[in-house]
N, C-alpha and C. Protein backbone atom coordinates (compact mmCIF):
# COMPACT_ATOMS: atom_id res chain seq x y z
N MET A 1 12.64 -4.29 -17.95
CA MET A 1 11.73 -4.66 -16.89
C MET A 1 11.36 -5.98 -17.03
N VAL A 2 11.36 -6.80 -15.98
CA VAL A 2 11.06 -8.24 -16.00
C VAL A 2 9.57 -8.39 -16.16
N ALA A 3 9.19 -9.34 -17.05
CA ALA A 3 7.79 -9.61 -17.27
C ALA A 3 7.07 -10.07 -15.97
N ARG A 4 5.87 -9.58 -15.76
CA ARG A 4 5.10 -10.03 -14.64
C ARG A 4 4.42 -11.36 -14.81
N GLN A 5 4.53 -12.21 -13.80
CA GLN A 5 3.86 -13.48 -13.92
C GLN A 5 2.45 -13.48 -13.06
N GLY A 6 1.46 -13.72 -13.59
CA GLY A 6 0.19 -13.72 -12.94
C GLY A 6 0.03 -14.67 -11.84
N SER A 7 -0.80 -14.40 -10.78
CA SER A 7 -0.97 -15.20 -9.63
C SER A 7 -1.72 -16.46 -10.07
N LEU A 8 -1.26 -17.66 -9.52
CA LEU A 8 -1.96 -18.82 -9.78
C LEU A 8 -3.21 -18.95 -8.94
N PHE A 9 -3.29 -18.11 -7.93
CA PHE A 9 -4.54 -18.19 -7.07
C PHE A 9 -5.50 -17.07 -7.36
N ASP A 10 -5.28 -16.21 -8.27
CA ASP A 10 -6.24 -15.10 -8.55
C ASP A 10 -7.49 -15.70 -9.13
N ARG A 11 -8.63 -15.21 -8.61
CA ARG A 11 -9.86 -15.77 -9.08
C ARG A 11 -10.35 -15.21 -10.39
N GLY A 12 -9.74 -14.12 -10.91
CA GLY A 12 -10.14 -13.60 -12.17
C GLY A 12 -11.49 -12.89 -12.14
N GLY A 13 -11.89 -12.31 -13.26
CA GLY A 13 -13.15 -11.60 -13.30
C GLY A 13 -13.04 -10.30 -12.54
N PRO A 14 -14.25 -9.76 -12.15
CA PRO A 14 -14.22 -8.51 -11.50
C PRO A 14 -13.70 -8.59 -10.07
N VAL A 15 -13.24 -7.51 -9.62
CA VAL A 15 -12.72 -7.48 -8.24
C VAL A 15 -13.70 -7.84 -7.20
N GLU A 16 -13.35 -8.51 -6.15
CA GLU A 16 -14.28 -8.98 -5.12
C GLU A 16 -13.65 -8.55 -3.73
N PRO A 17 -13.69 -7.18 -3.49
CA PRO A 17 -13.07 -6.74 -2.18
C PRO A 17 -13.79 -7.38 -1.01
N GLY A 18 -13.01 -7.86 -0.08
CA GLY A 18 -13.65 -8.31 1.17
C GLY A 18 -14.04 -9.90 1.08
N ALA A 19 -13.88 -10.46 -0.12
CA ALA A 19 -14.28 -11.84 -0.20
C ALA A 19 -13.56 -12.72 0.77
N GLU A 20 -12.42 -12.45 1.09
CA GLU A 20 -11.63 -13.29 2.04
C GLU A 20 -11.46 -12.57 3.40
N ALA A 21 -12.63 -11.86 3.85
CA ALA A 21 -12.51 -11.02 5.01
C ALA A 21 -12.17 -11.90 6.24
N MET A 22 -12.63 -13.11 6.25
CA MET A 22 -12.38 -13.95 7.51
C MET A 22 -10.88 -14.36 7.56
N CYS A 23 -10.10 -14.09 6.54
CA CYS A 23 -8.67 -14.48 6.54
C CYS A 23 -7.79 -13.32 6.97
N VAL A 24 -8.38 -12.18 7.34
CA VAL A 24 -7.55 -10.94 7.85
C VAL A 24 -7.06 -11.33 9.20
N THR A 25 -5.73 -11.20 9.47
CA THR A 25 -5.18 -11.48 10.69
C THR A 25 -4.50 -10.19 11.26
N ARG A 26 -4.80 -9.88 12.56
CA ARG A 26 -4.22 -8.70 13.14
C ARG A 26 -3.09 -9.09 14.04
N THR A 27 -1.99 -8.33 13.99
CA THR A 27 -0.89 -8.47 14.76
C THR A 27 -0.73 -7.19 15.75
N ASP A 28 -0.68 -7.44 17.04
CA ASP A 28 -0.50 -6.28 17.95
C ASP A 28 0.95 -6.10 18.14
N LEU A 29 1.40 -4.79 17.69
CA LEU A 29 2.83 -4.41 17.77
C LEU A 29 3.25 -3.78 19.00
N GLY A 30 2.28 -3.45 19.88
CA GLY A 30 2.60 -2.75 21.14
C GLY A 30 2.52 -1.25 21.09
N ASP A 31 2.33 -0.63 22.17
CA ASP A 31 2.22 0.88 22.22
C ASP A 31 1.09 1.35 21.39
N GLY A 32 -0.03 0.57 21.16
CA GLY A 32 -1.15 0.96 20.48
C GLY A 32 -1.07 0.76 18.91
N ALA A 33 0.03 0.22 18.47
CA ALA A 33 0.15 -0.09 17.04
C ALA A 33 -0.31 -1.39 16.63
N TRP A 34 -0.87 -1.60 15.46
CA TRP A 34 -1.23 -2.98 15.00
C TRP A 34 -1.17 -2.96 13.40
N ILE A 35 -1.08 -4.23 12.92
CA ILE A 35 -1.14 -4.33 11.48
C ILE A 35 -2.09 -5.54 11.17
N ASP A 36 -2.96 -5.28 10.13
CA ASP A 36 -3.85 -6.31 9.62
C ASP A 36 -3.29 -6.82 8.32
N VAL A 37 -3.29 -8.11 8.10
CA VAL A 37 -2.88 -8.70 6.92
C VAL A 37 -3.99 -9.70 6.31
N GLY A 38 -4.39 -9.52 5.09
CA GLY A 38 -5.30 -10.31 4.47
C GLY A 38 -4.78 -10.93 3.23
N ARG A 39 -4.50 -12.24 3.22
CA ARG A 39 -3.89 -12.85 1.95
C ARG A 39 -4.97 -13.07 0.94
N SER A 40 -4.64 -12.69 -0.30
CA SER A 40 -5.57 -12.85 -1.42
C SER A 40 -6.96 -12.30 -1.12
N TRP A 41 -6.89 -11.12 -0.38
CA TRP A 41 -8.09 -10.53 0.01
C TRP A 41 -8.99 -9.93 -1.23
N LEU A 42 -8.23 -9.59 -2.24
CA LEU A 42 -8.90 -9.05 -3.38
C LEU A 42 -8.89 -9.97 -4.64
N GLY A 43 -10.02 -10.44 -5.06
CA GLY A 43 -10.14 -11.26 -6.30
C GLY A 43 -9.99 -10.35 -7.51
N GLY A 44 -9.60 -10.89 -8.61
CA GLY A 44 -9.45 -10.07 -9.78
C GLY A 44 -8.31 -9.16 -9.81
N ALA A 45 -7.24 -9.50 -8.99
CA ALA A 45 -6.11 -8.62 -8.76
C ALA A 45 -5.28 -8.42 -10.00
N ASP A 46 -5.09 -9.57 -10.71
CA ASP A 46 -4.28 -9.57 -12.01
C ASP A 46 -4.87 -8.60 -13.04
N ALA A 47 -6.16 -8.75 -13.24
CA ALA A 47 -6.80 -7.87 -14.23
C ALA A 47 -6.78 -6.39 -13.82
N LEU A 48 -6.95 -6.12 -12.57
CA LEU A 48 -6.87 -4.81 -12.05
C LEU A 48 -5.51 -4.24 -12.25
N PHE A 49 -4.50 -5.07 -11.95
CA PHE A 49 -3.11 -4.54 -12.16
C PHE A 49 -2.88 -4.18 -13.68
N ASP A 50 -3.30 -5.00 -14.59
CA ASP A 50 -3.12 -4.72 -16.00
C ASP A 50 -3.76 -3.38 -16.38
N ARG A 51 -5.09 -3.19 -15.93
CA ARG A 51 -5.72 -1.95 -16.28
C ARG A 51 -4.99 -0.74 -15.68
N LEU A 52 -4.60 -0.77 -14.44
CA LEU A 52 -3.96 0.34 -13.79
C LEU A 52 -2.59 0.61 -14.49
N PHE A 53 -1.84 -0.44 -14.75
CA PHE A 53 -0.54 -0.31 -15.35
C PHE A 53 -0.57 0.51 -16.68
N HIS A 54 -1.71 0.33 -17.46
CA HIS A 54 -1.77 1.01 -18.72
C HIS A 54 -2.53 2.28 -18.66
N ALA A 55 -3.53 2.44 -17.67
CA ALA A 55 -4.39 3.57 -17.67
C ALA A 55 -3.96 4.81 -16.90
N VAL A 56 -3.14 4.50 -15.81
CA VAL A 56 -2.72 5.50 -14.92
C VAL A 56 -1.66 6.36 -15.54
N GLU A 57 -1.65 7.64 -15.30
CA GLU A 57 -0.70 8.63 -15.86
C GLU A 57 0.41 8.64 -14.75
N TRP A 58 1.29 7.72 -14.86
CA TRP A 58 2.44 7.56 -14.05
C TRP A 58 3.36 8.76 -14.15
N ARG A 59 3.94 9.21 -13.02
CA ARG A 59 4.78 10.40 -13.03
C ARG A 59 6.10 10.06 -12.30
N ALA A 60 7.18 10.49 -12.99
CA ALA A 60 8.42 10.42 -12.32
C ALA A 60 8.69 11.69 -11.51
N GLU A 61 9.21 11.60 -10.26
CA GLU A 61 9.35 12.78 -9.48
C GLU A 61 10.79 12.84 -9.06
N ARG A 62 11.22 14.08 -8.68
CA ARG A 62 12.50 14.35 -8.09
C ARG A 62 12.28 15.08 -6.74
N ARG A 63 13.13 14.71 -5.71
CA ARG A 63 12.92 15.22 -4.35
C ARG A 63 14.30 15.61 -3.83
N PRO A 64 14.26 16.72 -3.01
CA PRO A 64 15.59 17.10 -2.35
C PRO A 64 16.01 16.00 -1.33
N MET A 65 17.24 15.72 -1.32
CA MET A 65 17.87 14.81 -0.31
C MET A 65 19.26 15.38 0.04
N TYR A 66 19.38 15.87 1.26
CA TYR A 66 20.58 16.43 1.66
C TYR A 66 20.80 17.68 0.80
N ASP A 67 21.83 17.73 0.03
CA ASP A 67 22.17 18.97 -0.62
C ASP A 67 21.97 18.80 -2.20
N ARG A 68 21.15 17.86 -2.55
CA ARG A 68 20.95 17.67 -4.05
C ARG A 68 19.55 17.11 -4.30
N MET A 69 19.16 17.23 -5.64
CA MET A 69 17.88 16.61 -6.10
C MET A 69 18.16 15.21 -6.53
N VAL A 70 17.27 14.32 -6.19
CA VAL A 70 17.48 12.85 -6.63
C VAL A 70 16.13 12.42 -7.19
N ASP A 71 16.26 11.42 -8.13
CA ASP A 71 15.07 10.77 -8.62
C ASP A 71 14.43 9.84 -7.68
N VAL A 72 13.06 9.90 -7.56
CA VAL A 72 12.37 9.03 -6.71
C VAL A 72 12.40 7.63 -7.33
N PRO A 73 12.79 6.57 -6.62
CA PRO A 73 12.96 5.29 -7.31
C PRO A 73 11.71 4.49 -7.46
N ARG A 74 10.66 5.12 -8.07
CA ARG A 74 9.48 4.46 -8.39
C ARG A 74 8.61 5.55 -9.13
N LEU A 75 7.50 5.14 -9.75
CA LEU A 75 6.61 6.06 -10.44
C LEU A 75 5.39 6.24 -9.54
N ILE A 76 4.84 7.43 -9.60
CA ILE A 76 3.75 7.81 -8.56
C ILE A 76 2.60 8.47 -9.27
N ARG A 77 1.44 8.29 -8.67
CA ARG A 77 0.25 9.04 -9.10
C ARG A 77 -0.53 9.13 -7.83
N PHE A 78 -0.89 10.42 -7.43
CA PHE A 78 -1.68 10.71 -6.12
C PHE A 78 -3.02 11.22 -6.58
N TYR A 79 -4.12 10.69 -5.96
CA TYR A 79 -5.42 11.11 -6.15
C TYR A 79 -5.94 11.72 -4.93
N ASP A 80 -6.14 13.03 -4.95
CA ASP A 80 -6.50 13.85 -3.81
C ASP A 80 -7.94 13.77 -3.56
N VAL A 81 -8.43 14.37 -2.42
CA VAL A 81 -9.84 14.38 -1.99
C VAL A 81 -10.72 14.83 -3.10
N GLY A 82 -11.70 14.10 -3.53
CA GLY A 82 -12.62 14.48 -4.60
C GLY A 82 -12.14 14.20 -5.94
N GLU A 83 -10.90 13.76 -6.15
CA GLU A 83 -10.50 13.46 -7.53
C GLU A 83 -10.86 12.07 -7.96
N PRO A 84 -11.42 11.85 -9.13
CA PRO A 84 -11.91 10.55 -9.53
C PRO A 84 -10.72 9.54 -9.57
N LEU A 85 -10.91 8.30 -9.17
CA LEU A 85 -9.93 7.31 -9.10
C LEU A 85 -9.87 6.70 -10.64
N PRO A 86 -8.68 6.14 -10.93
CA PRO A 86 -8.50 5.76 -12.28
C PRO A 86 -9.26 4.48 -12.78
N ASP A 87 -9.89 3.79 -11.91
CA ASP A 87 -10.65 2.58 -12.27
C ASP A 87 -11.81 2.42 -11.28
N PRO A 88 -13.00 2.21 -11.82
CA PRO A 88 -14.18 2.08 -10.95
C PRO A 88 -14.06 1.08 -9.86
N ASP A 89 -13.31 -0.02 -10.16
CA ASP A 89 -13.21 -1.07 -9.18
C ASP A 89 -12.41 -0.59 -7.85
N LEU A 90 -11.66 0.50 -8.00
CA LEU A 90 -10.97 1.09 -6.84
C LEU A 90 -11.96 1.68 -5.89
N ASP A 91 -13.00 2.26 -6.56
CA ASP A 91 -14.15 2.86 -5.61
C ASP A 91 -14.75 1.79 -4.87
N GLN A 92 -14.99 0.61 -5.53
CA GLN A 92 -15.51 -0.52 -4.77
C GLN A 92 -14.71 -1.01 -3.68
N VAL A 93 -13.35 -1.05 -3.92
CA VAL A 93 -12.39 -1.49 -2.95
C VAL A 93 -12.38 -0.58 -1.75
N ARG A 94 -12.47 0.75 -2.04
CA ARG A 94 -12.40 1.80 -0.90
C ARG A 94 -13.67 1.65 -0.18
N GLU A 95 -14.91 1.45 -0.76
CA GLU A 95 -16.08 1.33 -0.03
C GLU A 95 -16.02 0.11 0.91
N ALA A 96 -15.39 -0.99 0.49
CA ALA A 96 -15.35 -2.21 1.32
C ALA A 96 -14.43 -1.93 2.51
N LEU A 97 -13.36 -1.15 2.30
CA LEU A 97 -12.46 -0.90 3.39
C LEU A 97 -13.07 0.07 4.38
N VAL A 98 -13.81 1.08 3.85
CA VAL A 98 -14.46 2.03 4.80
C VAL A 98 -15.52 1.24 5.58
N ASP A 99 -16.25 0.33 4.96
CA ASP A 99 -17.21 -0.40 5.69
C ASP A 99 -16.59 -1.34 6.79
N ARG A 100 -15.44 -1.90 6.44
CA ARG A 100 -14.81 -2.78 7.40
C ARG A 100 -14.13 -1.94 8.58
N TYR A 101 -13.56 -0.79 8.30
CA TYR A 101 -12.78 -0.08 9.27
C TYR A 101 -13.43 1.18 9.83
N ARG A 102 -14.78 1.37 9.61
CA ARG A 102 -15.43 2.55 9.80
C ARG A 102 -15.35 2.96 11.34
N HIS A 103 -15.17 2.05 12.20
CA HIS A 103 -15.07 2.34 13.63
C HIS A 103 -13.66 2.60 14.06
N GLU A 104 -12.66 2.50 13.20
CA GLU A 104 -11.26 2.62 13.58
C GLU A 104 -10.59 3.73 12.75
N VAL A 105 -11.08 4.06 11.65
CA VAL A 105 -10.29 4.99 10.71
C VAL A 105 -10.47 6.42 11.22
N GLY A 106 -11.55 6.75 11.86
CA GLY A 106 -11.75 8.09 12.33
C GLY A 106 -12.13 9.01 11.10
N GLY A 107 -12.87 8.44 10.16
CA GLY A 107 -13.23 9.23 9.00
C GLY A 107 -13.05 8.38 7.70
N PRO A 108 -13.62 8.72 6.60
CA PRO A 108 -13.46 7.90 5.38
C PRO A 108 -12.14 7.96 4.78
N PHE A 109 -11.76 6.88 3.96
CA PHE A 109 -10.57 6.98 3.22
C PHE A 109 -10.77 7.94 1.98
N CYS A 110 -10.12 9.12 2.05
CA CYS A 110 -10.34 10.18 1.12
C CYS A 110 -9.36 10.29 -0.05
N THR A 111 -8.16 9.78 0.11
CA THR A 111 -7.21 9.90 -0.87
C THR A 111 -6.68 8.48 -1.20
N ALA A 112 -5.94 8.46 -2.41
CA ALA A 112 -5.40 7.22 -2.89
C ALA A 112 -4.08 7.54 -3.47
N GLY A 113 -3.05 6.93 -3.01
CA GLY A 113 -1.66 7.13 -3.65
C GLY A 113 -1.38 5.77 -4.28
N LEU A 114 -0.93 5.88 -5.63
CA LEU A 114 -0.50 4.67 -6.32
C LEU A 114 1.01 4.85 -6.62
N CYS A 115 1.67 3.66 -6.42
CA CYS A 115 3.06 3.61 -6.69
C CYS A 115 3.36 2.42 -7.62
N LEU A 116 4.25 2.66 -8.64
CA LEU A 116 4.59 1.55 -9.59
C LEU A 116 6.02 1.30 -9.33
N TYR A 117 6.31 0.11 -8.80
CA TYR A 117 7.70 -0.39 -8.66
C TYR A 117 8.02 -1.22 -9.98
N ARG A 118 8.76 -0.65 -10.89
CA ARG A 118 9.04 -1.22 -12.14
C ARG A 118 9.84 -2.48 -12.08
N ASP A 119 10.74 -2.60 -11.19
CA ASP A 119 11.59 -3.80 -11.02
C ASP A 119 12.24 -3.70 -9.60
N GLY A 120 13.14 -4.72 -9.40
CA GLY A 120 13.79 -4.73 -8.01
C GLY A 120 14.64 -3.52 -7.67
N ARG A 121 14.99 -2.73 -8.64
CA ARG A 121 15.67 -1.45 -8.37
C ARG A 121 14.84 -0.41 -7.76
N ASP A 122 13.55 -0.47 -7.93
CA ASP A 122 12.61 0.53 -7.32
C ASP A 122 12.34 0.19 -5.96
N SER A 123 12.22 1.14 -5.12
CA SER A 123 12.02 0.97 -3.63
C SER A 123 11.38 2.22 -2.98
N VAL A 124 11.17 2.08 -1.64
CA VAL A 124 10.82 3.20 -0.82
C VAL A 124 11.62 3.16 0.45
N ALA A 125 12.13 4.23 0.86
CA ALA A 125 13.03 4.29 2.01
C ALA A 125 12.25 4.18 3.30
N TRP A 126 12.92 3.95 4.46
CA TRP A 126 12.27 3.92 5.78
C TRP A 126 11.60 5.25 5.96
N HIS A 127 10.29 5.12 6.41
CA HIS A 127 9.43 6.28 6.77
C HIS A 127 8.29 5.91 7.48
N GLY A 128 7.53 6.89 7.99
CA GLY A 128 6.16 6.71 8.50
C GLY A 128 5.29 7.88 7.82
N ASP A 129 4.00 7.59 7.76
CA ASP A 129 3.13 8.63 7.21
C ASP A 129 2.79 9.66 8.27
N ARG A 130 3.71 10.57 8.52
CA ARG A 130 3.63 11.50 9.64
C ARG A 130 3.49 12.95 9.29
N ILE A 131 3.11 13.19 7.99
CA ILE A 131 2.76 14.55 7.55
C ILE A 131 1.23 14.76 7.78
N GLY A 132 0.90 15.76 8.52
CA GLY A 132 -0.50 16.10 8.90
C GLY A 132 -0.94 15.32 10.17
N ARG A 133 -2.21 14.88 10.08
CA ARG A 133 -2.88 14.28 11.26
C ARG A 133 -2.04 13.05 11.74
N GLY A 134 -1.38 12.28 10.84
CA GLY A 134 -0.73 11.09 11.23
C GLY A 134 0.43 11.36 12.16
N SER A 135 0.85 12.59 12.24
CA SER A 135 1.97 12.88 13.15
C SER A 135 1.56 12.99 14.62
N THR A 136 0.19 13.16 14.93
CA THR A 136 -0.18 13.37 16.28
C THR A 136 -1.40 12.46 16.73
N HIS A 137 -2.00 11.85 15.80
CA HIS A 137 -3.14 11.04 16.09
C HIS A 137 -3.12 9.64 15.47
N ASP A 138 -3.72 8.69 16.15
CA ASP A 138 -3.85 7.34 15.52
C ASP A 138 -4.61 7.49 14.29
N THR A 139 -4.13 6.67 13.32
CA THR A 139 -4.82 6.72 12.00
C THR A 139 -4.64 5.35 11.31
N LEU A 140 -5.25 5.24 10.17
CA LEU A 140 -5.17 4.08 9.32
C LEU A 140 -4.61 4.25 7.90
N VAL A 141 -3.85 3.41 7.44
CA VAL A 141 -3.35 3.45 6.08
C VAL A 141 -3.54 2.01 5.48
N ALA A 142 -4.41 1.83 4.51
CA ALA A 142 -4.78 0.56 3.93
C ALA A 142 -4.03 0.34 2.62
N ILE A 143 -3.32 -0.72 2.39
CA ILE A 143 -2.58 -0.90 1.18
C ILE A 143 -3.03 -2.17 0.48
N ILE A 144 -3.30 -2.04 -0.80
CA ILE A 144 -3.70 -3.23 -1.64
C ILE A 144 -2.35 -3.45 -2.59
N SER A 145 -1.87 -4.71 -2.58
CA SER A 145 -0.73 -4.98 -3.41
C SER A 145 -1.19 -5.70 -4.68
N LEU A 146 -0.65 -5.25 -5.74
CA LEU A 146 -0.95 -5.84 -7.10
C LEU A 146 0.28 -6.15 -7.79
N GLY A 147 0.30 -7.18 -8.61
CA GLY A 147 1.49 -7.59 -9.46
C GLY A 147 2.50 -8.40 -8.69
N SER A 148 3.73 -8.22 -8.94
CA SER A 148 4.74 -9.15 -8.46
C SER A 148 4.93 -8.94 -6.89
N ARG A 149 5.37 -10.07 -6.32
CA ARG A 149 5.59 -10.14 -4.88
C ARG A 149 6.76 -9.39 -4.48
N ARG A 150 6.54 -8.48 -3.43
CA ARG A 150 7.70 -7.80 -2.89
C ARG A 150 7.66 -7.80 -1.36
N ARG A 151 8.84 -7.49 -0.69
CA ARG A 151 8.89 -7.54 0.70
C ARG A 151 8.71 -6.26 1.28
N MET A 152 7.82 -6.09 2.41
CA MET A 152 7.68 -4.84 3.10
C MET A 152 8.24 -5.10 4.54
N LEU A 153 9.12 -4.14 4.96
CA LEU A 153 9.76 -4.23 6.24
C LEU A 153 9.22 -3.26 7.20
N PHE A 154 9.13 -3.53 8.55
CA PHE A 154 8.74 -2.75 9.61
C PHE A 154 9.82 -2.82 10.66
N ARG A 155 10.11 -1.58 11.33
CA ARG A 155 11.00 -1.62 12.43
C ARG A 155 10.51 -0.56 13.42
N PRO A 156 10.60 -0.92 14.77
CA PRO A 156 10.02 0.11 15.77
C PRO A 156 11.07 1.33 15.81
N ARG A 157 10.48 2.45 16.00
CA ARG A 157 11.35 3.71 16.00
C ARG A 157 12.31 3.71 17.23
N ARG A 158 11.82 3.07 18.29
CA ARG A 158 12.64 3.18 19.52
C ARG A 158 13.60 1.94 19.61
N GLY A 159 13.67 1.21 18.55
CA GLY A 159 14.53 -0.05 18.67
C GLY A 159 13.71 -1.25 18.99
N GLY A 160 14.23 -2.46 18.49
CA GLY A 160 13.63 -3.63 18.85
C GLY A 160 13.47 -4.55 17.62
N ARG A 161 12.72 -5.58 17.74
CA ARG A 161 12.71 -6.58 16.73
C ARG A 161 11.89 -6.01 15.55
N ALA A 162 12.46 -6.21 14.22
CA ALA A 162 11.90 -5.78 13.05
C ALA A 162 10.99 -6.91 12.52
N ARG A 163 10.09 -6.64 11.65
CA ARG A 163 9.13 -7.58 11.05
C ARG A 163 9.17 -7.38 9.50
N ARG A 164 8.79 -8.44 8.86
CA ARG A 164 8.67 -8.35 7.37
C ARG A 164 7.51 -9.18 6.95
N TYR A 165 6.90 -8.59 5.80
CA TYR A 165 5.81 -9.34 5.23
C TYR A 165 6.00 -9.40 3.66
N GLU A 166 5.86 -10.58 3.16
CA GLU A 166 5.98 -10.72 1.72
C GLU A 166 4.49 -10.51 1.20
N LEU A 167 4.36 -9.50 0.39
CA LEU A 167 3.05 -9.08 -0.19
C LEU A 167 2.88 -9.52 -1.65
N GLY A 168 1.86 -10.37 -1.93
CA GLY A 168 1.60 -10.83 -3.30
C GLY A 168 0.37 -10.19 -3.77
N PRO A 169 0.00 -10.65 -5.02
CA PRO A 169 -1.14 -9.92 -5.71
C PRO A 169 -2.47 -10.20 -4.92
N GLY A 170 -3.16 -9.11 -4.61
CA GLY A 170 -4.45 -9.13 -4.00
C GLY A 170 -4.32 -9.07 -2.50
N ASP A 171 -3.19 -9.02 -1.93
CA ASP A 171 -3.01 -8.98 -0.50
C ASP A 171 -3.33 -7.60 0.04
N LEU A 172 -3.94 -7.64 1.24
CA LEU A 172 -4.26 -6.37 1.85
C LEU A 172 -3.43 -6.26 3.11
N LEU A 173 -2.84 -5.04 3.37
CA LEU A 173 -2.06 -4.78 4.57
C LEU A 173 -2.55 -3.42 5.13
N VAL A 174 -3.00 -3.38 6.39
CA VAL A 174 -3.55 -2.14 6.99
C VAL A 174 -2.66 -1.83 8.20
N MET A 175 -2.14 -0.66 8.26
CA MET A 175 -1.41 -0.14 9.44
C MET A 175 -2.33 0.72 10.23
N GLY A 176 -2.55 0.39 11.50
CA GLY A 176 -3.49 1.15 12.35
C GLY A 176 -3.00 1.55 13.74
N GLY A 177 -3.79 2.28 14.47
CA GLY A 177 -3.41 2.73 15.75
C GLY A 177 -2.25 3.74 15.65
N SER A 178 -1.26 3.49 16.46
CA SER A 178 -0.14 4.44 16.51
C SER A 178 0.97 4.05 15.57
N CYS A 179 0.73 3.11 14.56
CA CYS A 179 1.81 2.51 13.78
C CYS A 179 2.58 3.51 13.06
N GLN A 180 1.92 4.60 12.54
CA GLN A 180 2.67 5.59 11.74
C GLN A 180 3.68 6.46 12.61
N ARG A 181 3.30 6.57 13.87
CA ARG A 181 4.19 7.33 14.76
C ARG A 181 5.28 6.53 15.40
N THR A 182 4.98 5.26 15.69
CA THR A 182 5.89 4.42 16.51
C THR A 182 6.69 3.40 15.71
N TRP A 183 6.33 3.18 14.40
CA TRP A 183 7.08 2.30 13.60
C TRP A 183 7.38 2.96 12.22
N ASP A 184 8.50 2.55 11.56
CA ASP A 184 8.72 2.90 10.19
C ASP A 184 8.53 1.69 9.29
N HIS A 185 8.31 1.95 8.08
CA HIS A 185 8.22 0.91 7.05
C HIS A 185 8.94 1.19 5.77
N ALA A 186 9.34 0.18 5.02
CA ALA A 186 10.06 0.33 3.80
C ALA A 186 9.84 -0.80 2.76
N ILE A 187 10.10 -0.52 1.53
CA ILE A 187 10.12 -1.57 0.49
C ILE A 187 11.52 -1.57 -0.05
N PRO A 188 12.42 -2.45 0.36
CA PRO A 188 13.81 -2.43 -0.04
C PRO A 188 14.09 -2.89 -1.48
N LYS A 189 15.16 -2.38 -1.94
CA LYS A 189 15.58 -2.90 -3.28
C LYS A 189 15.96 -4.40 -3.18
N THR A 190 15.88 -5.05 -4.34
CA THR A 190 16.25 -6.49 -4.44
C THR A 190 17.02 -6.76 -5.65
N ALA A 191 18.05 -7.69 -5.53
CA ALA A 191 18.78 -8.04 -6.70
C ALA A 191 18.13 -9.19 -7.41
N GLN A 192 17.06 -9.66 -6.91
CA GLN A 192 16.31 -10.80 -7.51
C GLN A 192 15.58 -10.25 -8.82
N ALA A 193 15.30 -11.13 -9.71
CA ALA A 193 14.62 -10.73 -10.90
C ALA A 193 13.17 -10.65 -10.62
N VAL A 194 12.57 -9.54 -10.46
CA VAL A 194 11.13 -9.45 -10.11
C VAL A 194 10.44 -8.50 -11.15
N GLY A 195 9.25 -8.75 -11.41
CA GLY A 195 8.47 -7.95 -12.27
C GLY A 195 7.87 -6.74 -11.56
N PRO A 196 7.00 -5.95 -12.35
CA PRO A 196 6.44 -4.75 -11.71
C PRO A 196 5.36 -5.02 -10.69
N ARG A 197 5.21 -4.07 -9.76
CA ARG A 197 4.27 -4.12 -8.67
C ARG A 197 3.60 -2.81 -8.48
N ILE A 198 2.35 -2.83 -8.31
CA ILE A 198 1.54 -1.58 -7.94
C ILE A 198 1.09 -1.65 -6.57
N SER A 199 1.33 -0.67 -5.84
CA SER A 199 0.84 -0.40 -4.53
C SER A 199 -0.25 0.69 -4.48
N VAL A 200 -1.48 0.31 -3.95
CA VAL A 200 -2.54 1.25 -3.82
C VAL A 200 -2.67 1.58 -2.35
N GLN A 201 -2.51 2.83 -1.96
CA GLN A 201 -2.62 3.22 -0.48
C GLN A 201 -3.82 4.13 -0.32
N PHE A 202 -4.68 3.68 0.51
CA PHE A 202 -5.83 4.49 0.86
C PHE A 202 -5.69 5.14 2.20
N ARG A 203 -5.88 6.51 2.22
CA ARG A 203 -5.67 7.23 3.58
C ARG A 203 -6.80 8.16 3.86
N PRO A 204 -7.04 8.47 5.18
CA PRO A 204 -7.96 9.41 5.52
C PRO A 204 -7.47 10.83 5.15
N SER A 205 -8.30 11.80 5.19
CA SER A 205 -7.84 13.15 4.91
C SER A 205 -6.80 13.68 5.91
N ARG A 206 -5.90 14.51 5.39
CA ARG A 206 -4.84 15.17 6.18
C ARG A 206 -3.93 14.09 6.78
N VAL A 207 -3.66 13.06 5.97
CA VAL A 207 -2.57 12.07 6.29
C VAL A 207 -1.79 11.76 5.07
N ARG A 208 -0.47 11.94 5.21
CA ARG A 208 0.45 11.77 4.11
C ARG A 208 1.69 11.03 4.67
């Protein structure tokens, strides 16, 4: 695994969720879908990455695909409703997101999914969070990116122009409105030498 290089712009110290709130930019994707992006939204991102990297009980999973079981190409840890998060600063982050999006999320962010992309061979395939409420109703999924920079791709399900976002340490990306139903997203593999990345996904209840 390639060693991770810290961000030159990380402010260090404790996390400061929402400190760069004015820098969050919304993109209207059409059909009621939108994406918010906040660059360096979270201060102290490098320190939080290091704590989560070592403290989280990362799990390797296998899932059925077609006629066989395959390894999930990343490590995972899911925190369900009421389950304590692995770092108190994540509670602070969640509170800041709930406060910012309380009029759009349709309920508090109740769960947190953490993914560890160990290197460029780890990825996530095209998908939308359409299990549960997200399959029929507008919802929000908020992602905090920690560690090495990776590319996140978006494509409309009915065809059309795709989009991509380079997510670095402390960046915030929020998918809202009909985005989960009308767009798919992915983190592709890369042949470039990249270090580990942690993605923290906050979701309302009954959205997977």
